[in-house]
Amino acid sequence: MKPLLISDANILIDLEDGGLITELFQLPFEFQVPDLLFVDELEADHGYLLAHGLQLGELTPESMKEAEMLVKKYKQPSRYDCFALVLAKQQACPLLTGDQNLRKAANQEDVEVKGTLWLIETMTKHRVINVEVARLAYQRMRQKGRRLPWDLAENQLREIEANL
């Protein structure tokens, strides 16, 4: 069984804007989002993600209660972000997010966080993409207004190139 990663919506949109959705699902992981997040934030414009292998995760009743508590505890992450955080806790696996407020909440809740840069690096390590494809993907993301730490992204690519 492949390791599971729980994602929020923004990571998937980053990769879609970068043209890397097919490549994402070539990685040796299973990807899951909360079912409620999918229905309300992704299904209309990104429903095709299910055909690529995106899975829907269901929060237990206890996890739903915890999510509601986190919505009150943390003012910045959205309700759906809290659903993703609690699903990662429920499944005991990392959370994929680029949202700083969600990242802070996850750190306080002792949930491991990974982001778009980690996914790009992982794609290169697994030879799903090369550095040129990664650079082009970052350019597309930037042109579409995605907010990433661009200096870190470029440094990452230089480091990968240096290690080839």
N, C-alpha and C. Protein backbone atom coordinates (compact mmCIF):
# COMPACT_ATOMS: atom_id res chain seq x y z
N MET A 1 0.84 -1.19 0.00
CA MET A 1 0.00 0.00 0.00
C MET A 1 0.88 1.25 0.00
N LYS A 2 0.52 2.22 -0.80
CA LYS A 2 1.29 3.46 -0.91
C LYS A 2 1.02 4.35 0.30
N PRO A 3 2.02 5.14 0.71
CA PRO A 3 1.78 6.12 1.78
C PRO A 3 0.72 7.14 1.36
N LEU A 4 -0.05 7.59 2.32
CA LEU A 4 -1.14 8.52 2.08
C LEU A 4 -0.73 9.94 2.41
N LEU A 5 -1.15 10.88 1.57
CA LEU A 5 -0.98 12.31 1.82
C LEU A 5 -2.35 12.97 1.70
N ILE A 6 -2.67 13.83 2.65
CA ILE A 6 -3.93 14.58 2.61
C ILE A 6 -3.61 15.96 2.05
N SER A 7 -4.42 16.43 1.12
CA SER A 7 -4.16 17.72 0.49
C SER A 7 -5.30 18.70 0.74
N ASP A 8 -4.93 19.97 0.79
CA ASP A 8 -5.94 21.01 0.73
C ASP A 8 -6.14 21.36 -0.75
N ALA A 9 -7.00 22.29 -1.04
CA ALA A 9 -7.30 22.63 -2.44
C ALA A 9 -6.14 23.37 -3.11
N ASN A 10 -5.44 24.25 -2.36
CA ASN A 10 -4.47 25.11 -3.04
C ASN A 10 -3.30 24.35 -3.64
N ILE A 11 -2.89 23.26 -3.03
CA ILE A 11 -1.79 22.45 -3.59
C ILE A 11 -2.21 21.89 -4.95
N LEU A 12 -3.41 21.37 -5.03
CA LEU A 12 -3.88 20.79 -6.29
C LEU A 12 -4.00 21.86 -7.36
N ILE A 13 -4.43 23.05 -6.98
CA ILE A 13 -4.54 24.14 -7.95
C ILE A 13 -3.16 24.62 -8.38
N ASP A 14 -2.19 24.67 -7.45
CA ASP A 14 -0.81 24.98 -7.84
C ASP A 14 -0.35 24.04 -8.95
N LEU A 15 -0.52 22.75 -8.71
CA LEU A 15 -0.02 21.76 -9.67
C LEU A 15 -0.81 21.78 -10.97
N GLU A 16 -2.10 22.04 -10.87
CA GLU A 16 -2.90 22.17 -12.09
C GLU A 16 -2.40 23.36 -12.90
N ASP A 17 -2.20 24.50 -12.24
CA ASP A 17 -1.70 25.68 -12.95
C ASP A 17 -0.32 25.45 -13.53
N GLY A 18 0.47 24.60 -12.87
CA GLY A 18 1.80 24.28 -13.37
C GLY A 18 1.82 23.20 -14.43
N GLY A 19 0.67 22.60 -14.70
CA GLY A 19 0.58 21.55 -15.70
C GLY A 19 1.14 20.21 -15.23
N LEU A 20 1.05 19.95 -13.92
CA LEU A 20 1.66 18.74 -13.36
C LEU A 20 0.68 17.78 -12.68
N ILE A 21 -0.58 17.85 -13.02
CA ILE A 21 -1.55 16.95 -12.37
C ILE A 21 -1.28 15.49 -12.71
N THR A 22 -1.09 15.19 -13.97
CA THR A 22 -0.82 13.81 -14.36
C THR A 22 0.42 13.29 -13.66
N GLU A 23 1.45 14.13 -13.59
CA GLU A 23 2.70 13.75 -12.96
C GLU A 23 2.54 13.54 -11.45
N LEU A 24 1.70 14.34 -10.82
CA LEU A 24 1.45 14.18 -9.39
C LEU A 24 1.01 12.76 -9.07
N PHE A 25 0.10 12.25 -9.87
CA PHE A 25 -0.47 10.94 -9.59
C PHE A 25 0.43 9.79 -10.06
N GLN A 26 1.61 10.12 -10.61
CA GLN A 26 2.62 9.11 -10.92
C GLN A 26 3.55 8.87 -9.73
N LEU A 27 3.46 9.72 -8.72
CA LEU A 27 4.29 9.54 -7.53
C LEU A 27 3.80 8.33 -6.72
N PRO A 28 4.68 7.76 -5.91
CA PRO A 28 4.31 6.57 -5.13
C PRO A 28 3.54 6.91 -3.84
N PHE A 29 2.48 7.69 -4.00
CA PHE A 29 1.64 8.08 -2.87
C PHE A 29 0.19 7.98 -3.29
N GLU A 30 -0.67 7.88 -2.30
CA GLU A 30 -2.10 8.05 -2.52
C GLU A 30 -2.43 9.46 -2.05
N PHE A 31 -3.29 10.15 -2.77
CA PHE A 31 -3.67 11.51 -2.43
C PHE A 31 -5.15 11.55 -2.11
N GLN A 32 -5.46 12.25 -1.04
CA GLN A 32 -6.84 12.30 -0.56
C GLN A 32 -7.16 13.72 -0.11
N VAL A 33 -8.41 14.11 -0.32
CA VAL A 33 -8.94 15.36 0.22
C VAL A 33 -10.22 15.03 0.98
N PRO A 34 -10.59 15.87 1.94
CA PRO A 34 -11.88 15.64 2.60
C PRO A 34 -13.02 15.71 1.58
N ASP A 35 -13.96 14.80 1.70
CA ASP A 35 -15.07 14.76 0.74
C ASP A 35 -15.83 16.09 0.70
N LEU A 36 -16.03 16.72 1.84
CA LEU A 36 -16.75 18.00 1.88
C LEU A 36 -15.98 19.09 1.16
N LEU A 37 -14.68 19.11 1.30
CA LEU A 37 -13.84 20.09 0.59
C LEU A 37 -13.97 19.86 -0.91
N PHE A 38 -13.91 18.62 -1.33
CA PHE A 38 -14.01 18.32 -2.77
C PHE A 38 -15.32 18.82 -3.34
N VAL A 39 -16.41 18.47 -2.68
CA VAL A 39 -17.74 18.83 -3.19
C VAL A 39 -17.90 20.35 -3.28
N ASP A 40 -17.47 21.06 -2.26
CA ASP A 40 -17.71 22.50 -2.21
C ASP A 40 -16.64 23.36 -2.88
N GLU A 41 -15.41 22.86 -3.00
CA GLU A 41 -14.35 23.71 -3.55
C GLU A 41 -13.71 23.20 -4.84
N LEU A 42 -13.82 21.93 -5.12
CA LEU A 42 -13.09 21.38 -6.27
C LEU A 42 -13.96 20.76 -7.35
N GLU A 43 -15.06 20.17 -6.97
CA GLU A 43 -15.83 19.35 -7.90
C GLU A 43 -16.24 20.09 -9.17
N ALA A 44 -16.72 21.31 -9.06
CA ALA A 44 -17.23 22.03 -10.22
C ALA A 44 -16.16 22.23 -11.29
N ASP A 45 -14.99 22.69 -10.91
CA ASP A 45 -13.95 23.01 -11.88
C ASP A 45 -12.83 21.98 -11.96
N HIS A 46 -12.75 21.09 -10.98
CA HIS A 46 -11.63 20.15 -10.92
C HIS A 46 -12.10 18.71 -10.68
N GLY A 47 -13.33 18.42 -11.07
CA GLY A 47 -13.89 17.09 -10.83
C GLY A 47 -13.10 15.97 -11.48
N TYR A 48 -12.39 16.30 -12.56
CA TYR A 48 -11.59 15.30 -13.28
C TYR A 48 -10.49 14.69 -12.40
N LEU A 49 -10.15 15.33 -11.28
CA LEU A 49 -9.09 14.83 -10.41
C LEU A 49 -9.39 13.42 -9.90
N LEU A 50 -10.65 13.10 -9.75
CA LEU A 50 -11.02 11.75 -9.30
C LEU A 50 -10.57 10.70 -10.31
N ALA A 51 -10.70 11.01 -11.60
CA ALA A 51 -10.28 10.07 -12.65
C ALA A 51 -8.77 9.85 -12.64
N HIS A 52 -8.03 10.83 -12.15
CA HIS A 52 -6.57 10.71 -12.05
C HIS A 52 -6.15 9.89 -10.84
N GLY A 53 -7.04 9.73 -9.88
CA GLY A 53 -6.70 8.94 -8.71
C GLY A 53 -6.90 9.64 -7.38
N LEU A 54 -7.36 10.89 -7.40
CA LEU A 54 -7.63 11.57 -6.13
C LEU A 54 -8.73 10.82 -5.38
N GLN A 55 -8.49 10.61 -4.11
CA GLN A 55 -9.46 9.90 -3.27
C GLN A 55 -10.18 10.89 -2.35
N LEU A 56 -11.37 10.52 -1.96
CA LEU A 56 -12.14 11.33 -1.03
C LEU A 56 -12.10 10.68 0.34
N GLY A 57 -11.74 11.47 1.34
CA GLY A 57 -11.69 10.97 2.71
C GLY A 57 -12.87 11.48 3.50
N GLU A 58 -13.39 10.63 4.35
CA GLU A 58 -14.54 11.00 5.17
C GLU A 58 -14.12 11.14 6.63
N LEU A 59 -14.49 12.25 7.22
CA LEU A 59 -14.20 12.47 8.63
C LEU A 59 -15.16 11.65 9.48
N THR A 60 -14.62 11.06 10.54
CA THR A 60 -15.48 10.37 11.49
C THR A 60 -16.29 11.41 12.26
N PRO A 61 -17.36 11.01 12.95
CA PRO A 61 -18.10 11.97 13.77
C PRO A 61 -17.20 12.68 14.80
N GLU A 62 -16.26 11.93 15.38
CA GLU A 62 -15.34 12.54 16.35
C GLU A 62 -14.44 13.57 15.67
N SER A 63 -13.99 13.24 14.47
CA SER A 63 -13.14 14.17 13.73
C SER A 63 -13.92 15.42 13.31
N MET A 64 -15.18 15.25 12.98
CA MET A 64 -16.01 16.43 12.63
C MET A 64 -16.11 17.37 13.82
N LYS A 65 -16.28 16.80 15.02
CA LYS A 65 -16.32 17.62 16.23
C LYS A 65 -14.99 18.34 16.43
N GLU A 66 -13.89 17.62 16.21
CA GLU A 66 -12.58 18.24 16.36
C GLU A 66 -12.38 19.36 15.34
N ALA A 67 -12.84 19.14 14.12
CA ALA A 67 -12.73 20.17 13.09
C ALA A 67 -13.48 21.43 13.50
N GLU A 68 -14.66 21.26 14.04
CA GLU A 68 -15.44 22.42 14.49
C GLU A 68 -14.73 23.16 15.62
N MET A 69 -14.05 22.40 16.49
CA MET A 69 -13.28 23.04 17.57
C MET A 69 -12.10 23.82 16.99
N LEU A 70 -11.46 23.26 15.96
CA LEU A 70 -10.32 23.95 15.35
C LEU A 70 -10.76 25.21 14.61
N VAL A 71 -11.95 25.18 14.02
CA VAL A 71 -12.48 26.37 13.34
C VAL A 71 -12.60 27.52 14.34
N LYS A 72 -13.01 27.19 15.55
CA LYS A 72 -13.12 28.22 16.60
C LYS A 72 -11.75 28.62 17.15
N LYS A 73 -10.86 27.65 17.25
CA LYS A 73 -9.52 27.89 17.82
C LYS A 73 -8.65 28.74 16.89
N TYR A 74 -8.68 28.45 15.61
CA TYR A 74 -7.85 29.15 14.62
C TYR A 74 -8.75 30.00 13.73
N LYS A 75 -8.54 31.28 13.75
CA LYS A 75 -9.42 32.19 13.00
C LYS A 75 -9.09 32.23 11.50
N GLN A 76 -7.85 31.97 11.13
CA GLN A 76 -7.45 32.15 9.74
C GLN A 76 -7.71 30.95 8.83
N PRO A 77 -7.31 29.75 9.15
CA PRO A 77 -7.60 28.69 8.17
C PRO A 77 -9.12 28.56 7.99
N SER A 78 -9.52 28.28 6.77
CA SER A 78 -10.95 28.13 6.49
C SER A 78 -11.48 26.85 7.13
N ARG A 79 -12.77 26.73 7.13
CA ARG A 79 -13.43 25.52 7.65
C ARG A 79 -12.91 24.30 6.88
N TYR A 80 -12.80 24.43 5.55
CA TYR A 80 -12.35 23.30 4.73
C TYR A 80 -10.88 22.99 4.98
N ASP A 81 -10.08 24.01 5.26
CA ASP A 81 -8.69 23.77 5.64
C ASP A 81 -8.63 22.98 6.94
N CYS A 82 -9.50 23.32 7.87
CA CYS A 82 -9.54 22.57 9.14
C CYS A 82 -9.99 21.13 8.91
N PHE A 83 -10.88 20.91 7.95
CA PHE A 83 -11.27 19.55 7.62
C PHE A 83 -10.06 18.76 7.12
N ALA A 84 -9.25 19.38 6.26
CA ALA A 84 -8.05 18.72 5.74
C ALA A 84 -7.07 18.42 6.87
N LEU A 85 -6.89 19.38 7.77
CA LEU A 85 -5.99 19.19 8.91
C LEU A 85 -6.45 18.02 9.78
N VAL A 86 -7.71 17.99 10.09
CA VAL A 86 -8.24 16.91 10.95
C VAL A 86 -8.20 15.57 10.22
N LEU A 87 -8.43 15.57 8.92
CA LEU A 87 -8.33 14.31 8.17
C LEU A 87 -6.90 13.78 8.22
N ALA A 88 -5.92 14.68 8.11
CA ALA A 88 -4.51 14.26 8.22
C ALA A 88 -4.24 13.68 9.61
N LYS A 89 -4.81 14.30 10.64
CA LYS A 89 -4.65 13.76 12.00
C LYS A 89 -5.33 12.40 12.11
N GLN A 90 -6.54 12.31 11.59
CA GLN A 90 -7.31 11.07 11.65
C GLN A 90 -6.57 9.93 10.95
N GLN A 91 -5.96 10.23 9.80
CA GLN A 91 -5.28 9.21 9.01
C GLN A 91 -3.81 9.05 9.42
N ALA A 92 -3.35 9.89 10.36
CA ALA A 92 -1.95 9.85 10.83
C ALA A 92 -0.96 9.93 9.67
N CYS A 93 -1.15 10.97 8.85
CA CYS A 93 -0.28 11.16 7.70
C CYS A 93 -0.03 12.64 7.47
N PRO A 94 0.93 12.98 6.61
CA PRO A 94 1.24 14.39 6.35
C PRO A 94 0.10 15.12 5.64
N LEU A 95 0.12 16.43 5.84
CA LEU A 95 -0.82 17.34 5.19
C LEU A 95 -0.07 18.12 4.12
N LEU A 96 -0.65 18.21 2.94
CA LEU A 96 -0.09 19.03 1.87
C LEU A 96 -0.81 20.37 1.85
N THR A 97 -0.06 21.44 2.07
CA THR A 97 -0.65 22.77 1.99
C THR A 97 0.43 23.80 1.74
N GLY A 98 0.02 24.88 1.12
CA GLY A 98 0.90 26.04 0.95
C GLY A 98 0.36 27.22 1.73
N ASP A 99 -0.78 27.03 2.36
CA ASP A 99 -1.43 28.10 3.13
C ASP A 99 -0.68 28.28 4.45
N GLN A 100 -0.14 29.48 4.66
CA GLN A 100 0.66 29.74 5.86
C GLN A 100 -0.14 29.57 7.14
N ASN A 101 -1.38 30.03 7.14
CA ASN A 101 -2.20 29.91 8.34
C ASN A 101 -2.52 28.46 8.66
N LEU A 102 -2.79 27.67 7.64
CA LEU A 102 -3.05 26.25 7.85
C LEU A 102 -1.76 25.55 8.29
N ARG A 103 -0.65 25.95 7.72
CA ARG A 103 0.65 25.37 8.09
C ARG A 103 0.94 25.61 9.57
N LYS A 104 0.67 26.84 10.03
CA LYS A 104 0.89 27.17 11.45
C LYS A 104 -0.02 26.33 12.35
N ALA A 105 -1.29 26.22 11.97
CA ALA A 105 -2.23 25.42 12.76
C ALA A 105 -1.79 23.96 12.79
N ALA A 106 -1.35 23.44 11.64
CA ALA A 106 -0.91 22.04 11.59
C ALA A 106 0.30 21.83 12.49
N ASN A 107 1.23 22.77 12.48
CA ASN A 107 2.39 22.65 13.35
C ASN A 107 1.98 22.63 14.82
N GLN A 108 1.01 23.46 15.18
CA GLN A 108 0.53 23.48 16.56
C GLN A 108 -0.21 22.19 16.92
N GLU A 109 -0.78 21.55 15.92
CA GLU A 109 -1.51 20.30 16.14
C GLU A 109 -0.62 19.07 15.92
N ASP A 110 0.67 19.29 15.75
CA ASP A 110 1.65 18.20 15.55
C ASP A 110 1.36 17.35 14.32
N VAL A 111 0.97 18.01 13.24
CA VAL A 111 0.75 17.33 11.97
C VAL A 111 1.87 17.75 11.02
N GLU A 112 2.53 16.77 10.43
CA GLU A 112 3.60 17.05 9.48
C GLU A 112 3.03 17.74 8.24
N VAL A 113 3.74 18.77 7.77
CA VAL A 113 3.28 19.55 6.62
C VAL A 113 4.31 19.49 5.50
N LYS A 114 3.82 19.33 4.30
CA LYS A 114 4.64 19.39 3.09
C LYS A 114 3.91 20.29 2.11
N GLY A 115 4.67 20.86 1.15
CA GLY A 115 4.06 21.80 0.22
C GLY A 115 4.41 21.53 -1.22
N THR A 116 4.09 22.49 -2.05
CA THR A 116 4.31 22.40 -3.49
C THR A 116 5.79 22.18 -3.82
N LEU A 117 6.68 22.91 -3.15
CA LEU A 117 8.10 22.74 -3.43
C LEU A 117 8.56 21.32 -3.12
N TRP A 118 8.06 20.75 -2.05
CA TRP A 118 8.40 19.38 -1.70
C TRP A 118 7.91 18.43 -2.79
N LEU A 119 6.69 18.65 -3.28
CA LEU A 119 6.15 17.79 -4.33
C LEU A 119 6.99 17.88 -5.61
N ILE A 120 7.38 19.09 -5.99
CA ILE A 120 8.21 19.26 -7.19
C ILE A 120 9.54 18.54 -7.00
N GLU A 121 10.16 18.73 -5.84
CA GLU A 121 11.42 18.04 -5.56
C GLU A 121 11.25 16.52 -5.61
N THR A 122 10.16 16.04 -5.03
CA THR A 122 9.88 14.61 -5.01
C THR A 122 9.67 14.08 -6.43
N MET A 123 9.00 14.87 -7.27
CA MET A 123 8.81 14.45 -8.66
C MET A 123 10.15 14.32 -9.38
N THR A 124 11.08 15.24 -9.10
CA THR A 124 12.39 15.13 -9.74
C THR A 124 13.17 13.94 -9.19
N LYS A 125 13.10 13.72 -7.88
CA LYS A 125 13.81 12.57 -7.29
C LYS A 125 13.31 11.24 -7.84
N HIS A 126 12.01 11.17 -8.08
CA HIS A 126 11.42 9.94 -8.62
C HIS A 126 11.45 9.90 -10.15
N ARG A 127 12.10 10.90 -10.72
CA ARG A 127 12.27 10.99 -12.18
C ARG A 127 10.93 11.02 -12.93
N VAL A 128 9.94 11.59 -12.28
CA VAL A 128 8.65 11.79 -12.94
C VAL A 128 8.77 13.02 -13.86
N ILE A 129 9.56 14.01 -13.42
CA ILE A 129 9.85 15.20 -14.23
C ILE A 129 11.35 15.49 -14.10
N ASN A 130 11.84 16.32 -15.02
CA ASN A 130 13.22 16.78 -14.90
C ASN A 130 13.22 18.26 -14.49
N VAL A 131 14.39 18.82 -14.32
CA VAL A 131 14.50 20.19 -13.83
C VAL A 131 13.87 21.19 -14.82
N GLU A 132 14.02 20.94 -16.11
CA GLU A 132 13.45 21.86 -17.10
C GLU A 132 11.92 21.89 -16.99
N VAL A 133 11.32 20.73 -16.81
CA VAL A 133 9.86 20.66 -16.64
C VAL A 133 9.46 21.35 -15.34
N ALA A 134 10.23 21.14 -14.28
CA ALA A 134 9.93 21.79 -13.00
C ALA A 134 10.00 23.31 -13.14
N ARG A 135 11.03 23.80 -13.82
CA ARG A 135 11.19 25.25 -14.00
C ARG A 135 10.01 25.82 -14.80
N LEU A 136 9.62 25.13 -15.85
CA LEU A 136 8.48 25.57 -16.66
C LEU A 136 7.20 25.56 -15.82
N ALA A 137 7.03 24.55 -15.00
CA ALA A 137 5.84 24.46 -14.14
C ALA A 137 5.80 25.64 -13.17
N TYR A 138 6.95 25.95 -12.57
CA TYR A 138 7.01 27.11 -11.67
C TYR A 138 6.68 28.39 -12.43
N GLN A 139 7.17 28.52 -13.65
CA GLN A 139 6.87 29.72 -14.45
C GLN A 139 5.37 29.84 -14.70
N ARG A 140 4.74 28.73 -15.03
CA ARG A 140 3.28 28.74 -15.25
C ARG A 140 2.53 29.12 -13.97
N MET A 141 2.97 28.55 -12.85
CA MET A 141 2.32 28.87 -11.58
C MET A 141 2.45 30.36 -11.28
N ARG A 142 3.62 30.89 -11.51
CA ARG A 142 3.86 32.32 -11.23
C ARG A 142 2.99 33.18 -12.14
N GLN A 143 2.91 32.83 -13.42
CA GLN A 143 2.10 33.59 -14.38
C GLN A 143 0.62 33.55 -14.01
N LYS A 144 0.19 32.46 -13.40
CA LYS A 144 -1.23 32.33 -13.01
C LYS A 144 -1.49 32.93 -11.63
N GLY A 145 -0.48 33.56 -11.02
CA GLY A 145 -0.68 34.26 -9.76
C GLY A 145 -0.60 33.40 -8.51
N ARG A 146 -0.04 32.20 -8.65
CA ARG A 146 0.12 31.35 -7.46
C ARG A 146 1.17 31.98 -6.56
N ARG A 147 0.99 31.83 -5.28
CA ARG A 147 1.90 32.44 -4.31
C ARG A 147 2.80 31.37 -3.70
N LEU A 148 4.02 31.36 -4.16
CA LEU A 148 5.02 30.42 -3.66
C LEU A 148 6.27 31.22 -3.29
N PRO A 149 7.14 30.65 -2.48
CA PRO A 149 8.41 31.31 -2.18
C PRO A 149 9.35 31.14 -3.39
N TRP A 150 9.25 32.08 -4.33
CA TRP A 150 9.93 31.92 -5.62
C TRP A 150 11.45 31.81 -5.49
N ASP A 151 12.04 32.53 -4.55
CA ASP A 151 13.49 32.43 -4.35
C ASP A 151 13.86 31.02 -3.91
N LEU A 152 13.09 30.45 -3.00
CA LEU A 152 13.35 29.08 -2.55
C LEU A 152 13.15 28.08 -3.69
N ALA A 153 12.16 28.33 -4.52
CA ALA A 153 11.91 27.43 -5.66
C ALA A 153 13.10 27.44 -6.61
N GLU A 154 13.62 28.61 -6.92
CA GLU A 154 14.77 28.69 -7.82
C GLU A 154 16.01 28.07 -7.18
N ASN A 155 16.21 28.32 -5.91
CA ASN A 155 17.34 27.70 -5.21
C ASN A 155 17.21 26.18 -5.22
N GLN A 156 15.99 25.70 -5.04
CA GLN A 156 15.75 24.25 -5.08
C GLN A 156 16.17 23.68 -6.42
N LEU A 157 15.78 24.35 -7.51
CA LEU A 157 16.11 23.84 -8.84
C LEU A 157 17.61 23.87 -9.09
N ARG A 158 18.28 24.93 -8.62
CA ARG A 158 19.74 25.01 -8.78
C ARG A 158 20.42 23.87 -8.02
N GLU A 159 19.92 23.59 -6.83
CA GLU A 159 20.50 22.51 -6.02
C GLU A 159 20.29 21.16 -6.69
N ILE A 160 19.12 20.94 -7.25
CA ILE A 160 18.84 19.68 -7.95
C ILE A 160 19.79 19.55 -9.15
N GLU A 161 19.94 20.65 -9.90
CA GLU A 161 20.84 20.63 -11.07
C GLU A 161 22.27 20.32 -10.65
N ALA A 162 22.69 20.90 -9.53
CA ALA A 162 24.07 20.70 -9.06
C ALA A 162 24.32 19.26 -8.65
N ASN A 163 23.27 18.56 -8.27
CA ASN A 163 23.42 17.17 -7.81
C ASN A 163 23.19 16.15 -8.91
N LEU A 164 22.98 16.61 -10.12
CA LEU A 164 22.76 15.66 -11.24
C LEU A 164 24.05 14.98 -11.65
